[in-house]
Every structure is written in C-alpha cells, then in structure tokens.
Amino acid sequence: MRHSETRRGLAGVTLAAVVAALAVVAGASAARTANPPANAAAPVISGTARQGQTLKADSGSWGGDTPITFSYQWKRCNAAGASCTNLIGASSQTYVLVAGDVGRTVRVNVTAKNSAGAAAALSNPTGVVADFGSAPAATKQPDPSGTAVEGNTITVDNGAWAGTTPITYTFHWQRCTAVNPTCKDISGATGQSYKIAAADVGSKLRAVVTASNAAGKGTVGSNLTDVVQQKGAPPVNKALPIVIGTAALGQTLTTSPGVWVGADEKGYAFQWRRCNAGGSGCAEIPSATTLTYVVGQADVGMTLRSKVTAKNANGTTTATSVAVNVRSSGGGGGSCDKISVGGGKVSVPVTCLTPRPDHLLIDGVKFDPSPFGNPGGAVTIRVHVINEGTNQVVRGALVYVTPLPYNWAKASAELPTGTDGWVSIQIQTAKELPHSGALVMQVRARGTGTSEVDILGGISTRRLVQVTLK
C-alpha cells in the first residue's frame, strides 16, 4: 500500500482499529518464512526378502517445517541395487514381493512435502529376493563396523537370514565410488574382516555376503562405510549438519550432526548461532551449546544455524548448517524471503516472481548415468532453474520432462525444484531405445497455477537437451 493511501485510510479510524490492523500485517509477514524438507537419514526397509513376504518402509529422518507428509514409490532393481524402475501401483508404505522380484532387489523412494516444498530420498536395496523355497533370504542388511580410516581393520556381520539351517556364509569386499555408489570387487578380499588400503582412500567400502544352505544361496550387499579417510587426518565433513523441527517461537529445534569421516562418535560439540535474515552476520548464542535449542523472542525475524565441531586424535573440524528462517508462530503461509545458498546466490520462491521482468531460465542439466546404455532402465536428469539475469535460484518451480520421440521413453511427473534450485527426475526408457545416437528431451519449468500464463507464458521456459546413448 502506498504511503498516501495509508494516510487517507487512517482518517477517522480509532487507535484500536489501527493496532489490530498492524497486528494482522505483522502476523502475515511473520508467516512468510518457511523451510522445506531436508533429509537427515535415508529411509529403511524392513521385512524378509522372499516372494510373498511384505516389506515395510519407514520415512527416514527429516528436517524442515512441520507438518511433513510422506509418499512412497517402490522400485525393482537389479541384483546390485542399480538400474531401478518404478513398480506400477506400488505407492503405499508396504509392498508384497511377487514372482517378478525374485533374483532382483527392491528399493523405496520417499518424497517428503511441507508447505515450503518437497524433497526425495532413496533407501538402500534389500537383499536379492528369494523364491518361495527355503533357500536363504536376507531379513536385515549386514553392517560393517570399525572406523573407515586407512590402515584400520573393518569387520562385517552376517546380517539376518531366513531359511533352512544350517546356513554358512562367505564374504567379498568391494570398493565403491563415494557419489551414486558403483562397486567393484577388491581382489583377494574374501574374509569377514578387511584391512583398509591406501587405494581405498576417498572411496566407500562394503561387503557382499552370500548365505548358503542345502536349498540354495542368497546374496546381499552390506551397508556402505563412510568415505575412507587418509591416515593421520582430522575429521572430514561429507554432509552438512541439518536443523530439524519448526523454526517458530517456543519450538524446540534439534541438530542432526551431518555426515563425518574419521570423527570420534562421542566427540561432537554444538554451538547455536543467530544470524540476520539473509543468513550472514552470525553471532554465537551464549549457553546454546547442546544438541537442542528452544527458539526465543530474540530469534524472531532472524535466522538460526547450528555449528558442529567434530574431533579425533589428529584434530578438530567444524561445519555449520544451512540457515533456517524463524517465524513468530508455527502457522503456514507463503514465503518471499531470500535464503542464502552460498556463492553469492540466494533462493527465492517461484510464487514471488512477476512475469516480465522476471523470467525463468534452465541453466544447468545433468544426466546420471551419462552416456546411457540400459534400454528399459531409468536415467536420472537433474535440472537447475534460476531467475534469468539475477543472482537468484528458484525454489518451487515446476519442472516437466518430455522425451522425444515419445515411444523411446515416458514423460515425467511434474516436480518442484528445491531450495538450491535443483530437482531430480527419473525418466523410464523403453526396451526399444537404441544403443547409439541420443535421447532428446524437452524440459519445461514454470510457475505454479493452472492459467495459460502459468503454463505457456509469463515466467515459464523451455529447453531441448540430450543424453548420449551407447
């Protein structure tokens, strides 16, 4: 409202009415800040990996404003847990294994949503699914124990298995890439324990456990270790701490320490910091040195970060969470606040952009894997959306992917970008996909809504991209 309009509107109005109106405006402003979901721990599948058995997924652990709702999509993968495809209709928290799953593994993708946005997290694969017989079937993934540091020895347990006894076990250790893990056998590493070598530094490790009885065999890969750290180094942070809970007056926030390599599990120290609305200019909050923090009046209109310090015998390392905006109450509402995402860039919601001058631009596209060579499998496309000509990444922009020609792959669902402006979308390809050339895709990003301006014009944008086929 313009100042001249404000002065005209106040004529003849009582003081009480003015105070009430200002309270409404202040409440609306306080409700504008929001924090989308952020995953702190991946979903976990429980149940027996055998045809006819029921698997159940938990949602994992999430930060962000509450309430958070969850949706589920089960996927069938190869025996190594890769080349996954969506199971049609398998979108509840439980899934009953069928004949088509035998000899394969199963994973679940959990999507978390709140008033600020959405994010997804993928579980580890189950063991290889056994048939109705009494051959061993994994009911719990094996876990490696020990610190992932060069020169240390790590040991894997057997996991848990169903099947006719006695059951015997063999092991083979694998070295895996740190990102989107791809694993290869380590020559000669066939014991239940393994001494970490210099060649393992920067990788993750796992053991493939094979259980055998008179009826057959079952195989499952263990959970992954942390990224192997070089001997004699201080702790290394691999994923920032996350603030869990609703950042509102009177609410309790909790710090998830993040992911560390080489840290003493009992060696974490915490320090909460109060920052300006842009997430900078931070100062430590006196005595706020525990895992949790109760939001106070001084925090309203500011942002909060949690600083975590990890230590080991070689030194200490600190890492600080992304800033969360603090509102005066837990109520919902849109947010036009700018959130710092580093590198001199800020995140803005698509709902707060105005067509002309604002215009969306798809400035980043990544494929995984690339080149792609698995007809009938899924390729992941990551799309980054910005406000053209600015330092703003855009959250909540709806992204849709249409493969060309249509009979080579299926169009995607329309998914929103996250706080960092990125969204990951899986494209299911057909078995008719050729082994050479390229798969072309049209990527569209738009604002929310159903009007012609939202979908076809205004701030929407399109881009043709392609992934090489092999």
Protein backbone atom coordinates (compact mmCIF):
# COMPACT_ATOMS: atom_id res chain seq x y z
CA MET A 1 0.00 0.00 0.00
CA ARG A 2 1.37 3.48 -0.91
CA HIS A 3 2.03 5.96 1.95
CA SER A 4 -0.54 8.43 0.55
CA GLU A 5 -3.15 5.69 0.54
CA THR A 6 -2.20 4.81 4.10
CA ARG A 7 -2.71 8.39 5.26
CA ARG A 8 -6.12 8.62 3.55
CA GLY A 9 -7.18 5.28 5.03
CA LEU A 10 -6.36 6.29 8.62
CA ALA A 11 -8.69 9.27 8.66
CA GLY A 12 -11.40 8.75 11.23
CA VAL A 13 -10.13 5.34 12.29
CA THR A 14 -9.79 4.55 16.00
CA LEU A 15 -6.43 3.75 17.56
CA ALA A 16 -7.62 0.26 18.48
CA ALA A 17 -8.52 -0.47 14.85
CA VAL A 18 -5.10 0.68 13.68
CA VAL A 19 -3.33 -1.54 16.27
CA ALA A 20 -5.45 -4.52 15.23
CA ALA A 21 -4.72 -3.95 11.55
CA LEU A 22 -0.98 -3.67 12.20
CA ALA A 23 -1.09 -6.93 14.17
CA VAL A 24 -2.66 -8.69 11.20
CA VAL A 25 0.01 -7.33 8.86
CA ALA A 26 2.79 -8.33 11.26
CA GLY A 27 1.31 -11.80 11.60
CA ALA A 28 1.14 -12.19 7.84
CA SER A 29 4.76 -11.07 7.49
CA ALA A 30 5.91 -13.47 10.20
CA ALA A 31 4.17 -16.32 8.43
CA ARG A 32 6.09 -15.76 5.22
CA THR A 33 9.24 -17.62 6.18
CA ALA A 34 9.35 -21.37 5.67
CA ASN A 35 11.89 -24.20 5.46
CA PRO A 36 11.40 -27.08 3.00
CA PRO A 37 12.12 -30.71 3.99
CA ALA A 38 15.78 -31.78 4.24
CA ASN A 39 16.76 -35.44 4.61
CA ALA A 40 18.97 -36.35 7.59
CA ALA A 41 18.81 -40.17 7.36
CA ALA A 42 17.73 -42.32 4.41
CA PRO A 43 14.56 -44.49 4.54
CA VAL A 44 14.99 -48.09 5.79
CA ILE A 45 13.16 -51.18 4.52
CA SER A 46 12.23 -53.95 6.98
CA GLY A 47 10.93 -57.43 6.22
CA THR A 48 12.11 -60.68 4.62
CA ALA A 49 13.41 -60.57 1.03
CA ARG A 50 11.32 -63.53 -0.15
CA GLN A 51 8.44 -63.86 -2.63
CA GLY A 52 5.09 -63.43 -0.87
CA GLN A 53 6.57 -61.55 2.10
CA THR A 54 5.56 -57.97 2.99
CA LEU A 55 8.20 -55.26 3.13
CA LYS A 56 7.65 -52.03 5.07
CA ALA A 57 9.43 -48.71 4.66
CA ASP A 58 9.99 -46.07 7.29
CA SER A 59 10.17 -42.47 6.11
CA GLY A 60 13.73 -41.81 7.26
CA SER A 61 14.67 -38.73 9.28
CA TRP A 62 13.84 -35.23 8.02
CA GLY A 63 14.38 -31.61 8.96
CA GLY A 64 12.20 -28.70 7.88
CA ASP A 65 8.92 -27.17 8.94
CA THR A 66 6.24 -29.46 10.29
CA PRO A 67 3.84 -30.96 9.49
CA ILE A 68 5.63 -33.07 6.86
CA THR A 69 3.72 -35.61 4.77
CA PHE A 70 5.30 -38.57 3.02
CA SER A 71 4.60 -40.52 -0.16
CA TYR A 72 6.24 -43.74 -1.31
CA GLN A 73 7.30 -45.29 -4.62
CA TRP A 74 8.71 -48.83 -4.65
CA LYS A 75 11.31 -49.71 -7.29
CA ARG A 76 12.59 -53.00 -8.72
CA CYS A 77 16.36 -53.05 -9.30
CA ASN A 78 18.99 -55.49 -10.49
CA ALA A 79 20.88 -57.72 -8.05
CA ALA A 80 23.38 -54.92 -7.36
CA GLY A 81 20.62 -52.42 -6.49
CA ALA A 82 21.05 -50.41 -9.73
CA SER A 83 19.02 -49.92 -12.96
CA CYS A 84 15.85 -49.38 -10.92
CA THR A 85 12.37 -48.98 -12.38
CA ASN A 86 9.16 -47.87 -10.70
CA LEU A 87 6.72 -50.62 -9.72
CA ILE A 88 3.34 -49.54 -11.06
CA GLY A 89 0.77 -49.08 -8.28
CA ALA A 90 3.34 -49.74 -5.52
CA SER A 91 2.91 -46.42 -3.77
CA SER A 92 1.97 -47.33 -0.18
CA GLN A 93 4.25 -47.74 2.83
CA THR A 94 4.22 -51.53 2.39
CA TYR A 95 4.89 -53.78 -0.59
CA VAL A 96 4.27 -57.52 -1.11
CA LEU A 97 7.04 -59.22 -3.07
CA VAL A 98 5.90 -61.01 -6.24
CA ALA A 99 7.43 -63.55 -8.63
CA GLY A 100 8.85 -60.77 -10.80
CA ASP A 101 11.03 -59.63 -7.88
CA VAL A 102 12.81 -63.00 -7.46
CA GLY A 103 16.51 -62.62 -8.25
CA ARG A 104 16.23 -58.82 -8.07
CA THR A 105 16.42 -56.25 -5.26
CA VAL A 106 13.85 -53.68 -4.18
CA ARG A 107 14.26 -50.05 -3.06
CA VAL A 108 11.80 -47.36 -1.99
CA ASN A 109 11.86 -43.66 -2.85
CA VAL A 110 10.28 -41.45 -0.16
CA THR A 111 9.08 -37.95 -1.04
CA ALA A 112 8.63 -35.51 1.85
CA LYS A 113 6.41 -32.46 1.45
CA ASN A 114 5.54 -29.48 3.62
CA SER A 115 4.21 -26.00 2.99
CA ALA A 116 7.64 -24.86 1.75
CA GLY A 117 8.41 -27.54 -0.83
CA ALA A 118 9.34 -31.16 -1.42
CA ALA A 119 12.43 -33.39 -1.40
CA ALA A 120 13.07 -37.10 -2.02
CA ALA A 121 15.39 -39.76 -0.52
CA LEU A 122 16.11 -43.30 -1.74
CA SER A 123 16.60 -46.32 0.56
CA ASN A 124 19.38 -48.87 0.31
CA PRO A 125 18.42 -52.01 -1.67
CA THR A 126 17.05 -55.12 0.01
CA GLY A 127 18.85 -58.41 -0.33
CA VAL A 128 18.33 -60.38 -3.53
CA VAL A 129 14.73 -61.61 -3.35
CA ALA A 130 14.42 -65.41 -2.89
CA ASP A 131 11.56 -67.60 -4.12
CA PHE A 132 9.04 -69.47 -2.00
CA GLY A 133 11.52 -72.25 -1.17
CA SER A 134 13.77 -72.48 1.86
CA ALA A 135 16.94 -71.05 0.35
CA PRO A 136 18.42 -68.25 2.50
CA ALA A 137 16.65 -64.88 2.23
CA ALA A 138 18.03 -61.73 3.85
CA THR A 139 15.86 -60.12 6.54
CA LYS A 140 18.41 -57.49 7.59
CA GLN A 141 21.36 -55.99 5.73
CA PRO A 142 24.82 -56.74 7.13
CA ASP A 143 26.62 -53.84 8.79
CA PRO A 144 30.36 -53.10 8.67
CA SER A 145 31.93 -51.96 11.95
CA GLY A 146 35.12 -50.02 12.52
CA THR A 147 36.39 -46.56 11.53
CA ALA A 148 36.89 -46.00 7.80
CA VAL A 149 40.49 -44.77 8.00
CA GLU A 150 43.49 -46.05 6.01
CA GLY A 151 45.26 -48.84 7.91
CA ASN A 152 42.29 -49.72 10.14
CA THR A 153 40.52 -53.09 10.03
CA ILE A 154 36.76 -53.22 9.48
CA THR A 155 34.52 -56.24 10.04
CA VAL A 156 31.09 -57.08 8.67
CA ASP A 157 28.40 -59.08 10.48
CA ASN A 158 26.33 -61.76 8.74
CA GLY A 159 23.13 -59.74 8.71
CA ALA A 160 19.96 -61.72 9.43
CA TRP A 161 18.56 -64.51 7.26
CA ALA A 162 15.51 -66.75 6.97
CA GLY A 163 15.82 -70.27 5.53
CA THR A 164 16.60 -73.86 6.39
CA THR A 165 19.50 -74.26 8.80
CA PRO A 166 22.42 -74.76 8.89
CA ILE A 167 23.44 -71.66 6.91
CA THR A 168 27.05 -70.89 6.03
CA TYR A 169 28.45 -67.53 4.93
CA THR A 170 31.12 -66.25 2.55
CA PHE A 171 32.28 -62.67 2.02
CA HIS A 172 33.77 -60.47 -0.68
CA TRP A 173 34.68 -56.83 -0.07
CA GLN A 174 34.03 -54.16 -2.69
CA ARG A 175 35.35 -50.65 -3.29
CA CYS A 176 32.59 -48.16 -4.23
CA THR A 177 32.51 -44.63 -5.60
CA ALA A 178 31.65 -42.00 -2.96
CA VAL A 179 28.80 -40.43 -5.00
CA ASN A 180 26.00 -42.53 -6.55
CA PRO A 181 27.96 -45.63 -5.42
CA THR A 182 29.16 -48.06 -8.10
CA CYS A 183 31.04 -51.01 -6.58
CA LYS A 184 33.76 -53.37 -7.82
CA ASP A 185 35.29 -56.43 -6.14
CA ILE A 186 38.63 -55.99 -4.35
CA SER A 187 40.90 -58.82 -5.45
CA GLY A 188 41.56 -61.33 -2.66
CA ALA A 189 39.41 -59.52 -0.06
CA THR A 190 37.28 -62.55 0.88
CA GLY A 191 37.44 -62.56 4.68
CA GLN A 192 34.87 -61.31 7.17
CA SER A 193 37.37 -58.59 8.09
CA TYR A 194 39.33 -56.30 5.78
CA LYS A 195 42.36 -54.05 6.38
CA ILE A 196 41.81 -50.73 4.61
CA ALA A 197 44.46 -49.96 1.97
CA ALA A 198 45.80 -46.67 0.60
CA ALA A 199 43.89 -47.38 -2.65
CA ASP A 200 40.62 -47.16 -0.71
CA VAL A 201 41.10 -43.51 0.39
CA GLY A 202 38.25 -41.38 -1.00
CA SER A 203 36.01 -44.42 -1.66
CA LYS A 204 33.34 -46.22 0.35
CA LEU A 205 33.53 -49.93 1.19
CA ARG A 206 31.00 -52.71 1.55
CA ALA A 207 30.98 -56.49 1.85
CA VAL A 208 28.84 -58.78 -0.29
CA VAL A 209 27.59 -61.57 1.98
CA THR A 210 26.48 -64.88 0.43
CA ALA A 211 24.43 -67.26 2.61
CA SER A 212 24.21 -70.92 1.53
CA ASN A 213 22.22 -73.96 2.66
CA ALA A 214 21.09 -77.25 1.13
CA ALA A 215 18.28 -75.48 -0.80
CA GLY A 216 20.35 -72.74 -2.44
CA LYS A 217 22.02 -69.40 -1.92
CA GLY A 218 21.10 -65.82 -1.12
CA THR A 219 23.26 -62.70 -1.57
CA VAL A 220 23.09 -59.19 -0.14
CA GLY A 221 25.45 -56.22 -0.07
CA SER A 222 26.17 -54.69 3.33
CA ASN A 223 25.53 -51.09 4.20
CA LEU A 224 28.31 -48.79 3.00
CA THR A 225 31.07 -47.47 5.21
CA ASP A 226 31.81 -43.75 5.41
CA VAL A 227 34.21 -42.37 2.81
CA VAL A 228 37.65 -43.74 3.69
CA GLN A 229 39.88 -41.08 5.20
CA GLN A 230 43.63 -40.79 4.88
CA LYS A 231 45.55 -41.90 7.96
CA GLY A 232 46.53 -39.12 10.35
CA ALA A 233 43.94 -36.59 9.14
CA PRO A 234 41.40 -34.70 11.27
CA PRO A 235 37.67 -35.41 10.73
CA VAL A 236 36.21 -34.61 7.31
CA ASN A 237 32.64 -33.37 6.86
CA LYS A 238 30.79 -35.02 3.95
CA ALA A 239 27.26 -33.67 4.57
CA LEU A 240 26.41 -30.50 6.49
CA PRO A 241 24.53 -30.58 9.80
CA ILE A 242 20.75 -30.22 9.49
CA VAL A 243 18.38 -28.30 11.78
CA ILE A 244 15.31 -30.46 12.46
CA GLY A 245 11.98 -29.01 13.63
CA THR A 246 9.76 -25.97 13.03
CA ALA A 247 11.68 -22.72 13.42
CA ALA A 248 8.98 -20.83 15.31
CA LEU A 249 8.77 -19.02 18.65
CA GLY A 250 8.70 -21.51 21.53
CA GLN A 251 9.51 -24.54 19.38
CA THR A 252 12.45 -26.89 20.04
CA LEU A 253 14.99 -27.40 17.26
CA THR A 254 17.39 -30.33 17.11
CA THR A 255 20.74 -30.67 15.34
CA SER A 256 21.50 -33.68 13.15
CA PRO A 257 25.33 -33.60 13.16
CA GLY A 258 25.63 -34.38 9.44
CA VAL A 259 27.95 -36.97 7.92
CA TRP A 260 31.57 -37.18 9.04
CA VAL A 261 34.58 -39.34 8.22
CA GLY A 262 37.09 -40.12 10.95
CA ALA A 263 35.18 -38.41 13.77
CA ASP A 264 35.06 -39.72 17.33
CA GLU A 265 31.38 -40.66 17.71
CA LYS A 266 31.29 -39.06 21.18
CA GLY A 267 33.41 -36.09 20.17
CA TYR A 268 30.80 -33.69 18.75
CA ALA A 269 30.36 -30.21 20.20
CA PHE A 270 27.45 -27.90 19.34
CA GLN A 271 27.02 -24.13 19.16
CA TRP A 272 23.82 -22.39 18.01
CA ARG A 273 24.25 -19.11 16.12
CA ARG A 274 21.82 -16.24 15.47
CA CYS A 275 22.20 -14.56 12.05
CA ASN A 276 20.49 -11.82 10.09
CA ALA A 277 17.56 -12.53 7.75
CA GLY A 278 19.96 -13.32 4.91
CA GLY A 279 21.82 -15.95 6.92
CA SER A 280 25.01 -13.89 7.45
CA GLY A 281 26.33 -11.65 10.22
CA CYS A 282 26.10 -14.57 12.68
CA ALA A 283 26.89 -14.42 16.39
CA GLU A 284 27.09 -17.26 18.86
CA ILE A 285 24.16 -17.53 21.29
CA PRO A 286 25.54 -17.69 24.86
CA SER A 287 24.99 -21.06 26.59
CA ALA A 288 23.29 -22.56 23.49
CA THR A 289 25.80 -25.40 23.31
CA THR A 290 23.63 -28.53 23.32
CA LEU A 291 22.02 -30.71 20.66
CA THR A 292 18.69 -28.86 21.04
CA TYR A 293 17.63 -25.22 21.19
CA VAL A 294 14.33 -23.54 22.12
CA VAL A 295 13.50 -20.62 19.81
CA GLY A 296 13.21 -17.35 21.74
CA GLN A 297 11.76 -13.91 21.08
CA ALA A 298 15.18 -12.55 20.08
CA ASP A 299 15.28 -15.05 17.19
CA VAL A 300 12.02 -13.92 15.51
CA GLY A 301 12.70 -12.33 12.13
CA MET A 302 16.27 -13.66 12.20
CA THR A 303 17.81 -16.96 11.04
CA LEU A 304 19.46 -19.71 13.05
CA ARG A 305 22.39 -22.00 12.26
CA SER A 306 23.88 -24.88 14.22
CA LYS A 307 27.66 -25.23 14.23
CA VAL A 308 29.02 -28.72 14.85
CA THR A 309 32.64 -29.43 15.79
CA ALA A 310 33.97 -32.96 15.34
CA LYS A 311 37.26 -34.22 16.73
CA ASN A 312 39.63 -37.16 16.67
CA ALA A 313 43.19 -37.76 17.80
CA ASN A 314 44.50 -35.71 14.86
CA GLY A 315 42.49 -32.52 15.34
CA THR A 316 39.09 -30.86 15.01
CA THR A 317 36.89 -29.73 12.13
CA THR A 318 33.74 -27.59 12.15
CA ALA A 319 30.73 -27.49 9.85
CA THR A 320 27.67 -25.22 10.01
CA SER A 321 24.11 -25.95 8.93
CA VAL A 322 22.16 -24.00 6.33
CA ALA A 323 20.31 -21.06 7.91
CA VAL A 324 16.65 -21.56 8.82
CA ASN A 325 14.22 -18.64 8.97
CA VAL A 326 12.41 -18.02 12.25
CA ARG A 327 8.77 -17.01 12.35
CA SER A 328 6.73 -15.78 15.31
CA SER A 329 4.30 -18.71 15.15
CA GLY A 330 4.06 -22.14 13.62
CA GLY A 331 1.39 -21.08 11.14
CA GLY A 332 1.69 -21.74 7.42
CA GLY A 333 1.84 -19.29 4.61
CA GLY A 334 3.95 -18.42 1.64
CA SER A 335 7.49 -17.12 1.91
CA CYS A 336 9.08 -14.41 -0.20
CA ASP A 337 12.21 -14.37 1.93
CA LYS A 338 15.55 -14.77 0.20
CA ILE A 339 17.59 -17.69 1.55
CA SER A 340 21.35 -17.66 1.12
CA VAL A 341 22.60 -20.75 -0.75
CA GLY A 342 26.27 -19.75 -0.93
CA GLY A 343 28.43 -18.44 -3.74
CA GLY A 344 26.76 -15.04 -3.59
CA LYS A 345 23.41 -16.55 -4.63
CA VAL A 346 20.03 -16.53 -2.88
CA SER A 347 16.97 -18.78 -3.19
CA VAL A 348 13.57 -17.25 -3.96
CA PRO A 349 10.17 -18.99 -4.35
CA VAL A 350 8.63 -19.08 -7.82
CA THR A 351 5.36 -17.76 -6.35
CA CYS A 352 7.04 -14.44 -5.58
CA LEU A 353 8.27 -13.77 -9.13
CA THR A 354 6.41 -11.44 -11.50
CA PRO A 355 6.16 -12.20 -15.24
CA ARG A 356 8.15 -9.57 -17.12
CA PRO A 357 10.60 -8.54 -15.77
CA ASP A 358 11.16 -11.97 -14.11
CA HIS A 359 11.81 -14.94 -16.38
CA LEU A 360 12.86 -18.50 -15.55
CA LEU A 361 16.00 -19.95 -17.11
CA ILE A 362 17.14 -23.59 -17.09
CA ASP A 363 20.87 -23.01 -16.67
CA GLY A 364 22.02 -26.47 -15.64
CA VAL A 365 21.21 -30.04 -16.73
CA LYS A 366 22.99 -33.23 -15.63
CA PHE A 367 22.33 -36.88 -16.54
CA ASP A 368 23.12 -39.97 -14.47
CA PRO A 369 24.42 -42.19 -15.93
CA SER A 370 25.88 -40.40 -18.94
CA PRO A 371 26.26 -41.80 -21.53
CA PHE A 372 23.22 -44.05 -21.01
CA GLY A 373 23.19 -47.66 -22.16
CA ASN A 374 20.41 -49.53 -20.37
CA PRO A 375 17.30 -49.78 -22.61
CA GLY A 376 14.29 -50.44 -20.37
CA GLY A 377 16.04 -48.86 -17.38
CA ALA A 378 15.79 -45.39 -15.86
CA VAL A 379 18.00 -42.36 -16.41
CA THR A 380 18.04 -39.50 -13.90
CA ILE A 381 18.02 -35.92 -15.15
CA ARG A 382 18.89 -33.09 -12.73
CA VAL A 383 17.62 -29.66 -13.69
CA HIS A 384 18.64 -26.29 -12.22
CA VAL A 385 16.37 -23.23 -12.51
CA ILE A 386 17.29 -19.58 -11.94
CA ASN A 387 15.69 -16.16 -12.37
CA GLU A 388 17.39 -15.01 -15.60
CA GLY A 389 19.82 -12.12 -15.24
CA THR A 390 19.89 -12.22 -11.43
CA ASN A 391 21.76 -13.97 -8.61
CA GLN A 392 18.56 -15.84 -7.67
CA VAL A 393 18.00 -19.60 -7.82
CA VAL A 394 14.31 -20.51 -7.87
CA ARG A 395 12.62 -22.93 -5.48
CA GLY A 396 9.19 -24.43 -6.12
CA ALA A 397 9.41 -24.09 -9.92
CA LEU A 398 7.50 -26.97 -11.55
CA VAL A 399 9.68 -28.99 -13.93
CA TYR A 400 8.34 -31.40 -16.57
CA VAL A 401 10.36 -33.54 -18.99
CA THR A 402 9.07 -34.85 -22.35
CA PRO A 403 11.34 -37.36 -24.17
CA LEU A 404 11.46 -37.25 -27.99
CA PRO A 405 10.42 -39.44 -29.74
CA TYR A 406 7.66 -40.44 -27.33
CA ASN A 407 7.97 -44.20 -27.89
CA TRP A 408 11.56 -44.28 -26.58
CA ALA A 409 10.74 -43.12 -23.04
CA LYS A 410 7.90 -41.95 -20.80
CA ALA A 411 7.25 -38.35 -19.85
CA SER A 412 7.94 -37.48 -16.22
CA ALA A 413 5.72 -36.31 -13.43
CA GLU A 414 5.89 -32.54 -12.76
CA LEU A 415 8.15 -31.98 -9.74
CA PRO A 416 9.20 -28.81 -7.85
CA THR A 417 12.75 -27.51 -7.51
CA GLY A 418 14.29 -27.49 -4.05
CA THR A 419 15.82 -24.64 -2.06
CA ASP A 420 19.03 -24.92 -4.11
CA GLY A 421 17.10 -24.63 -7.39
CA TRP A 422 17.74 -28.26 -8.38
CA VAL A 423 15.26 -31.07 -8.97
CA SER A 424 15.99 -34.73 -9.83
CA ILE A 425 13.62 -36.55 -12.18
CA GLN A 426 13.73 -40.20 -13.28
CA ILE A 427 12.88 -40.97 -16.90
CA GLN A 428 11.79 -44.54 -17.64
CA THR A 429 13.10 -45.70 -21.01
CA ALA A 430 11.64 -48.37 -23.31
CA LYS A 431 13.42 -51.57 -24.32
CA GLU A 432 13.23 -50.26 -27.91
CA LEU A 433 15.69 -47.49 -27.02
CA PRO A 434 18.65 -47.78 -29.44
CA HIS A 435 22.24 -48.34 -28.33
CA SER A 436 23.63 -45.37 -30.21
CA GLY A 437 22.75 -41.79 -31.01
CA ALA A 438 21.00 -39.62 -28.42
CA LEU A 439 17.76 -39.40 -26.46
CA VAL A 440 16.40 -35.86 -26.84
CA MET A 441 14.21 -34.32 -24.13
CA GLN A 442 12.23 -31.11 -23.85
CA VAL A 443 12.49 -29.67 -20.33
CA ARG A 444 9.90 -27.14 -19.17
CA ALA A 445 9.99 -25.06 -15.98
CA ARG A 446 7.06 -22.88 -14.92
CA GLY A 447 5.34 -21.18 -12.04
CA THR A 448 2.57 -22.78 -10.03
CA GLY A 449 -1.06 -22.44 -11.09
CA THR A 450 -3.27 -23.60 -13.95
CA SER A 451 -3.74 -20.46 -16.05
CA GLU A 452 -2.42 -20.09 -19.59
CA VAL A 453 0.12 -17.55 -18.34
CA ASP A 454 1.40 -20.04 -15.73
CA ILE A 455 1.74 -22.90 -18.20
CA LEU A 456 2.53 -21.31 -21.57
CA GLY A 457 3.84 -17.80 -20.93
CA GLY A 458 4.86 -15.36 -18.27
CA ILE A 459 7.91 -16.71 -16.43
CA SER A 460 7.86 -20.22 -17.95
CA THR A 461 10.77 -21.51 -20.04
CA ARG A 462 11.72 -24.49 -22.20
CA ARG A 463 14.98 -26.10 -23.26
CA LEU A 464 15.95 -29.02 -25.50
CA VAL A 465 18.64 -31.30 -24.04
CA GLN A 466 20.01 -34.73 -24.89
CA VAL A 467 21.86 -37.68 -23.34
CA THR A 468 24.22 -39.76 -25.46
CA LEU A 469 23.25 -43.44 -25.94
CA LYS A 470 25.74 -46.27 -26.00
